[in-house]
Amino acid sequence: MIAVLGLVIGVVIGLLVAPDVPDWAQPYLPIAVVAALDAVFGALRAFLDGIFDDKVFVVSFVSNVLIAALIVYLGDQLGVGSQLSTGVVVVLGIRIFTNMAAIRRHIFRA
């Protein structure tokens, strides 16, 4: 619950402050957001399954964001940044939809 509250507070602050994203970070921010969403939906699924652990959530959240950004950075260095970005989004998207399906089954029993 604290993580969800922190997420909501962060979104509200971001909307009110409207920070500028530096040019060097712009290719990595969307990937980092998708990776963070993957961790949040995974945590929600774990919570509903009764196996949530806050330490696992924090490690998953940070490592997902860092690894996704690192993969995109390496792709940029190799000249294939858009292909690796697409790959990261596809993999994380599949994980997000899988978690959402499990959450839906848990909530609606269907």
N, C-alpha and C. Protein backbone atom coordinates (compact mmCIF):
# COMPACT_ATOMS: atom_id res chain seq x y z
N MET A 1 0.82 -1.19 0.00
CA MET A 1 0.00 0.00 0.00
C MET A 1 0.87 1.25 0.00
N ILE A 2 1.98 1.19 0.70
CA ILE A 2 2.89 2.34 0.74
C ILE A 2 3.45 2.61 -0.65
N ALA A 3 3.76 1.55 -1.38
CA ALA A 3 4.31 1.74 -2.73
C ALA A 3 3.29 2.41 -3.65
N VAL A 4 2.05 2.00 -3.56
CA VAL A 4 1.00 2.60 -4.39
C VAL A 4 0.80 4.07 -4.00
N LEU A 5 0.80 4.34 -2.71
CA LEU A 5 0.66 5.72 -2.24
C LEU A 5 1.84 6.57 -2.73
N GLY A 6 3.04 6.02 -2.65
CA GLY A 6 4.23 6.73 -3.15
C GLY A 6 4.15 6.98 -4.64
N LEU A 7 3.62 6.01 -5.38
CA LEU A 7 3.46 6.17 -6.82
C LEU A 7 2.47 7.29 -7.14
N VAL A 8 1.35 7.30 -6.43
CA VAL A 8 0.33 8.35 -6.66
C VAL A 8 0.90 9.72 -6.31
N ILE A 9 1.58 9.82 -5.18
CA ILE A 9 2.18 11.10 -4.77
C ILE A 9 3.22 11.54 -5.80
N GLY A 10 4.03 10.62 -6.29
CA GLY A 10 5.03 10.95 -7.30
C GLY A 10 4.41 11.45 -8.59
N VAL A 11 3.33 10.82 -9.02
CA VAL A 11 2.65 11.25 -10.25
C VAL A 11 2.07 12.65 -10.06
N VAL A 12 1.44 12.89 -8.91
CA VAL A 12 0.86 14.22 -8.66
C VAL A 12 1.94 15.29 -8.63
N ILE A 13 3.04 15.02 -7.94
CA ILE A 13 4.15 15.98 -7.89
C ILE A 13 4.70 16.22 -9.30
N GLY A 14 4.85 15.16 -10.08
CA GLY A 14 5.35 15.29 -11.44
C GLY A 14 4.44 16.13 -12.32
N LEU A 15 3.14 15.99 -12.12
CA LEU A 15 2.20 16.78 -12.91
C LEU A 15 2.20 18.25 -12.48
N LEU A 16 2.35 18.49 -11.19
CA LEU A 16 2.35 19.87 -10.69
C LEU A 16 3.65 20.60 -11.02
N VAL A 17 4.78 19.93 -10.88
CA VAL A 17 6.08 20.57 -11.08
C VAL A 17 6.45 20.61 -12.56
N ALA A 18 6.06 19.60 -13.32
CA ALA A 18 6.37 19.48 -14.75
C ALA A 18 7.87 19.66 -15.01
N PRO A 19 8.69 18.72 -14.52
CA PRO A 19 10.13 18.86 -14.70
C PRO A 19 10.54 18.64 -16.16
N ASP A 20 11.65 19.28 -16.53
CA ASP A 20 12.22 19.08 -17.87
C ASP A 20 13.16 17.88 -17.83
N VAL A 21 13.03 17.03 -18.82
CA VAL A 21 13.90 15.86 -18.92
C VAL A 21 15.10 16.24 -19.77
N PRO A 22 16.31 16.01 -19.27
CA PRO A 22 17.49 16.34 -20.08
C PRO A 22 17.50 15.53 -21.39
N ASP A 23 18.11 16.10 -22.40
CA ASP A 23 18.15 15.44 -23.71
C ASP A 23 18.79 14.06 -23.65
N TRP A 24 19.84 13.90 -22.84
CA TRP A 24 20.53 12.62 -22.77
C TRP A 24 19.66 11.53 -22.13
N ALA A 25 18.68 11.90 -21.33
CA ALA A 25 17.85 10.91 -20.64
C ALA A 25 16.56 10.58 -21.40
N GLN A 26 16.23 11.34 -22.42
CA GLN A 26 14.96 11.14 -23.10
C GLN A 26 14.79 9.76 -23.74
N PRO A 27 15.82 9.15 -24.31
CA PRO A 27 15.60 7.80 -24.87
C PRO A 27 15.37 6.73 -23.81
N TYR A 28 15.84 6.99 -22.60
CA TYR A 28 15.79 5.97 -21.55
C TYR A 28 14.57 6.09 -20.65
N LEU A 29 13.98 7.24 -20.57
CA LEU A 29 12.85 7.46 -19.66
C LEU A 29 11.64 6.59 -19.99
N PRO A 30 11.19 6.49 -21.23
CA PRO A 30 10.03 5.63 -21.50
C PRO A 30 10.29 4.16 -21.15
N ILE A 31 11.49 3.70 -21.42
CA ILE A 31 11.83 2.31 -21.08
C ILE A 31 11.86 2.13 -19.58
N ALA A 32 12.38 3.10 -18.86
CA ALA A 32 12.42 3.02 -17.40
C ALA A 32 11.01 3.02 -16.82
N VAL A 33 10.11 3.79 -17.40
CA VAL A 33 8.73 3.82 -16.93
C VAL A 33 8.05 2.47 -17.15
N VAL A 34 8.26 1.87 -18.31
CA VAL A 34 7.66 0.56 -18.59
C VAL A 34 8.25 -0.50 -17.64
N ALA A 35 9.55 -0.43 -17.38
CA ALA A 35 10.17 -1.37 -16.45
C ALA A 35 9.62 -1.18 -15.03
N ALA A 36 9.41 0.07 -14.64
CA ALA A 36 8.85 0.34 -13.31
C ALA A 36 7.42 -0.18 -13.22
N LEU A 37 6.63 0.02 -14.28
CA LEU A 37 5.26 -0.49 -14.29
C LEU A 37 5.25 -2.02 -14.18
N ASP A 38 6.19 -2.68 -14.82
CA ASP A 38 6.30 -4.13 -14.71
C ASP A 38 6.51 -4.54 -13.26
N ALA A 39 7.39 -3.85 -12.56
CA ALA A 39 7.65 -4.16 -11.16
C ALA A 39 6.42 -3.89 -10.30
N VAL A 40 5.71 -2.81 -10.56
CA VAL A 40 4.53 -2.46 -9.77
C VAL A 40 3.42 -3.49 -9.98
N PHE A 41 3.16 -3.87 -11.23
CA PHE A 41 2.12 -4.88 -11.47
C PHE A 41 2.52 -6.25 -10.93
N GLY A 42 3.82 -6.56 -10.98
CA GLY A 42 4.29 -7.80 -10.36
C GLY A 42 4.09 -7.78 -8.86
N ALA A 43 4.31 -6.64 -8.24
CA ALA A 43 4.10 -6.51 -6.80
C ALA A 43 2.63 -6.63 -6.44
N LEU A 44 1.77 -6.03 -7.26
CA LEU A 44 0.33 -6.14 -7.01
C LEU A 44 -0.13 -7.59 -7.13
N ARG A 45 0.39 -8.28 -8.12
CA ARG A 45 0.05 -9.70 -8.28
C ARG A 45 0.54 -10.50 -7.07
N ALA A 46 1.76 -10.24 -6.62
CA ALA A 46 2.28 -10.95 -5.46
C ALA A 46 1.47 -10.64 -4.21
N PHE A 47 1.03 -9.39 -4.08
CA PHE A 47 0.20 -9.02 -2.93
C PHE A 47 -1.11 -9.79 -2.93
N LEU A 48 -1.75 -9.85 -4.09
CA LEU A 48 -3.01 -10.58 -4.18
C LEU A 48 -2.83 -12.08 -3.98
N ASP A 49 -1.66 -12.60 -4.35
CA ASP A 49 -1.36 -14.02 -4.15
C ASP A 49 -0.90 -14.31 -2.73
N GLY A 50 -0.67 -13.25 -1.95
CA GLY A 50 -0.25 -13.42 -0.56
C GLY A 50 1.22 -13.70 -0.38
N ILE A 51 2.04 -13.38 -1.38
CA ILE A 51 3.48 -13.66 -1.28
C ILE A 51 4.32 -12.40 -1.46
N PHE A 52 3.72 -11.24 -1.24
CA PHE A 52 4.43 -9.97 -1.42
C PHE A 52 5.52 -9.83 -0.37
N ASP A 53 6.69 -9.37 -0.82
CA ASP A 53 7.81 -9.06 0.07
C ASP A 53 8.35 -7.71 -0.35
N ASP A 54 8.41 -6.77 0.58
CA ASP A 54 8.82 -5.42 0.23
C ASP A 54 10.27 -5.35 -0.25
N LYS A 55 11.13 -6.18 0.30
CA LYS A 55 12.53 -6.19 -0.15
C LYS A 55 12.64 -6.67 -1.59
N VAL A 56 11.88 -7.70 -1.91
CA VAL A 56 11.87 -8.21 -3.28
C VAL A 56 11.34 -7.14 -4.22
N PHE A 57 10.31 -6.41 -3.80
CA PHE A 57 9.75 -5.35 -4.64
C PHE A 57 10.78 -4.27 -4.93
N VAL A 58 11.46 -3.80 -3.90
CA VAL A 58 12.44 -2.73 -4.09
C VAL A 58 13.57 -3.19 -5.01
N VAL A 59 14.08 -4.39 -4.78
CA VAL A 59 15.16 -4.91 -5.62
C VAL A 59 14.66 -5.10 -7.05
N SER A 60 13.45 -5.62 -7.21
CA SER A 60 12.89 -5.82 -8.55
C SER A 60 12.68 -4.49 -9.26
N PHE A 61 12.17 -3.51 -8.56
CA PHE A 61 11.90 -2.20 -9.14
C PHE A 61 13.20 -1.57 -9.64
N VAL A 62 14.19 -1.50 -8.76
CA VAL A 62 15.46 -0.85 -9.12
C VAL A 62 16.18 -1.63 -10.22
N SER A 63 16.24 -2.95 -10.08
CA SER A 63 16.97 -3.74 -11.07
C SER A 63 16.27 -3.72 -12.43
N ASN A 64 14.93 -3.77 -12.46
CA ASN A 64 14.22 -3.69 -13.74
C ASN A 64 14.55 -2.39 -14.46
N VAL A 65 14.49 -1.28 -13.74
CA VAL A 65 14.74 0.02 -14.35
C VAL A 65 16.19 0.11 -14.84
N LEU A 66 17.13 -0.30 -14.00
CA LEU A 66 18.54 -0.19 -14.37
C LEU A 66 18.90 -1.11 -15.54
N ILE A 67 18.42 -2.34 -15.49
CA ILE A 67 18.75 -3.29 -16.56
C ILE A 67 18.12 -2.85 -17.88
N ALA A 68 16.87 -2.40 -17.85
CA ALA A 68 16.22 -1.94 -19.08
C ALA A 68 16.96 -0.73 -19.66
N ALA A 69 17.33 0.21 -18.80
CA ALA A 69 18.07 1.38 -19.29
C ALA A 69 19.45 0.98 -19.82
N LEU A 70 20.10 0.02 -19.16
CA LEU A 70 21.42 -0.44 -19.61
C LEU A 70 21.32 -1.12 -20.98
N ILE A 71 20.29 -1.92 -21.18
CA ILE A 71 20.12 -2.58 -22.48
C ILE A 71 19.92 -1.55 -23.59
N VAL A 72 19.10 -0.53 -23.31
CA VAL A 72 18.88 0.51 -24.32
C VAL A 72 20.17 1.30 -24.55
N TYR A 73 20.91 1.59 -23.49
CA TYR A 73 22.19 2.31 -23.63
C TYR A 73 23.16 1.51 -24.49
N LEU A 74 23.27 0.20 -24.20
CA LEU A 74 24.17 -0.64 -25.00
C LEU A 74 23.71 -0.68 -26.47
N GLY A 75 22.40 -0.73 -26.68
CA GLY A 75 21.89 -0.70 -28.04
C GLY A 75 22.24 0.60 -28.75
N ASP A 76 22.17 1.72 -28.03
CA ASP A 76 22.57 3.00 -28.61
C ASP A 76 24.05 3.00 -28.97
N GLN A 77 24.86 2.44 -28.10
CA GLN A 77 26.31 2.39 -28.35
C GLN A 77 26.64 1.50 -29.54
N LEU A 78 25.85 0.45 -29.74
CA LEU A 78 26.08 -0.47 -30.85
C LEU A 78 25.39 0.00 -32.14
N GLY A 79 24.56 1.04 -32.05
CA GLY A 79 23.86 1.54 -33.22
C GLY A 79 22.55 0.83 -33.52
N VAL A 80 22.06 0.03 -32.58
CA VAL A 80 20.80 -0.69 -32.76
C VAL A 80 19.85 -0.36 -31.62
N GLY A 81 19.87 0.88 -31.17
CA GLY A 81 19.10 1.29 -30.00
C GLY A 81 17.61 1.09 -30.17
N SER A 82 17.08 1.41 -31.34
CA SER A 82 15.63 1.29 -31.52
C SER A 82 15.18 -0.17 -31.50
N GLN A 83 16.00 -1.06 -32.06
CA GLN A 83 15.64 -2.48 -32.05
C GLN A 83 15.65 -3.05 -30.63
N LEU A 84 16.67 -2.69 -29.85
CA LEU A 84 16.71 -3.19 -28.48
C LEU A 84 15.64 -2.53 -27.62
N SER A 85 15.33 -1.28 -27.88
CA SER A 85 14.24 -0.62 -27.16
C SER A 85 12.92 -1.34 -27.43
N THR A 86 12.70 -1.68 -28.68
CA THR A 86 11.48 -2.41 -29.03
C THR A 86 11.46 -3.77 -28.34
N GLY A 87 12.58 -4.44 -28.31
CA GLY A 87 12.66 -5.74 -27.63
C GLY A 87 12.36 -5.64 -26.15
N VAL A 88 12.90 -4.64 -25.50
CA VAL A 88 12.66 -4.45 -24.07
C VAL A 88 11.19 -4.15 -23.82
N VAL A 89 10.60 -3.30 -24.64
CA VAL A 89 9.18 -2.95 -24.47
C VAL A 89 8.31 -4.18 -24.70
N VAL A 90 8.63 -5.00 -25.69
CA VAL A 90 7.84 -6.20 -25.96
C VAL A 90 7.92 -7.17 -24.79
N VAL A 91 9.12 -7.43 -24.30
CA VAL A 91 9.28 -8.37 -23.18
C VAL A 91 8.57 -7.86 -21.93
N LEU A 92 8.79 -6.61 -21.60
CA LEU A 92 8.14 -6.06 -20.41
C LEU A 92 6.63 -5.96 -20.60
N GLY A 93 6.20 -5.66 -21.82
CA GLY A 93 4.77 -5.62 -22.10
C GLY A 93 4.11 -6.98 -21.91
N ILE A 94 4.77 -8.02 -22.35
CA ILE A 94 4.25 -9.38 -22.14
C ILE A 94 4.14 -9.67 -20.66
N ARG A 95 5.16 -9.29 -19.89
CA ARG A 95 5.13 -9.51 -18.44
C ARG A 95 4.01 -8.71 -17.78
N ILE A 96 3.81 -7.47 -18.22
CA ILE A 96 2.75 -6.65 -17.65
C ILE A 96 1.39 -7.28 -17.94
N PHE A 97 1.15 -7.70 -19.18
CA PHE A 97 -0.13 -8.30 -19.52
C PHE A 97 -0.33 -9.63 -18.81
N THR A 98 0.73 -10.39 -18.61
CA THR A 98 0.62 -11.65 -17.86
C THR A 98 0.23 -11.37 -16.41
N ASN A 99 0.88 -10.39 -15.81
CA ASN A 99 0.53 -10.02 -14.43
C ASN A 99 -0.90 -9.50 -14.35
N MET A 100 -1.30 -8.68 -15.32
CA MET A 100 -2.66 -8.15 -15.30
C MET A 100 -3.69 -9.26 -15.48
N ALA A 101 -3.38 -10.26 -16.27
CA ALA A 101 -4.30 -11.39 -16.43
C ALA A 101 -4.45 -12.14 -15.11
N ALA A 102 -3.34 -12.33 -14.40
CA ALA A 102 -3.40 -13.00 -13.10
C ALA A 102 -4.17 -12.16 -12.09
N ILE A 103 -3.98 -10.85 -12.12
CA ILE A 103 -4.71 -9.95 -11.22
C ILE A 103 -6.20 -10.00 -11.54
N ARG A 104 -6.53 -9.96 -12.81
CA ARG A 104 -7.94 -10.04 -13.23
C ARG A 104 -8.57 -11.34 -12.77
N ARG A 105 -7.85 -12.46 -12.95
CA ARG A 105 -8.38 -13.75 -12.52
C ARG A 105 -8.58 -13.77 -11.01
N HIS A 106 -7.67 -13.15 -10.29
CA HIS A 106 -7.79 -13.14 -8.83
C HIS A 106 -8.97 -12.29 -8.38
N ILE A 107 -9.15 -11.14 -8.98
CA ILE A 107 -10.20 -10.22 -8.56
C ILE A 107 -11.58 -10.72 -8.98
N PHE A 108 -11.71 -11.14 -10.25
CA PHE A 108 -13.01 -11.52 -10.78
C PHE A 108 -13.27 -13.02 -10.73
N ARG A 109 -12.29 -13.79 -10.27
CA ARG A 109 -12.42 -15.24 -10.19
C ARG A 109 -12.78 -15.84 -11.53
N ALA A 110 -12.22 -15.25 -12.59
CA ALA A 110 -12.54 -15.76 -13.94
C ALA A 110 -11.27 -15.84 -14.76
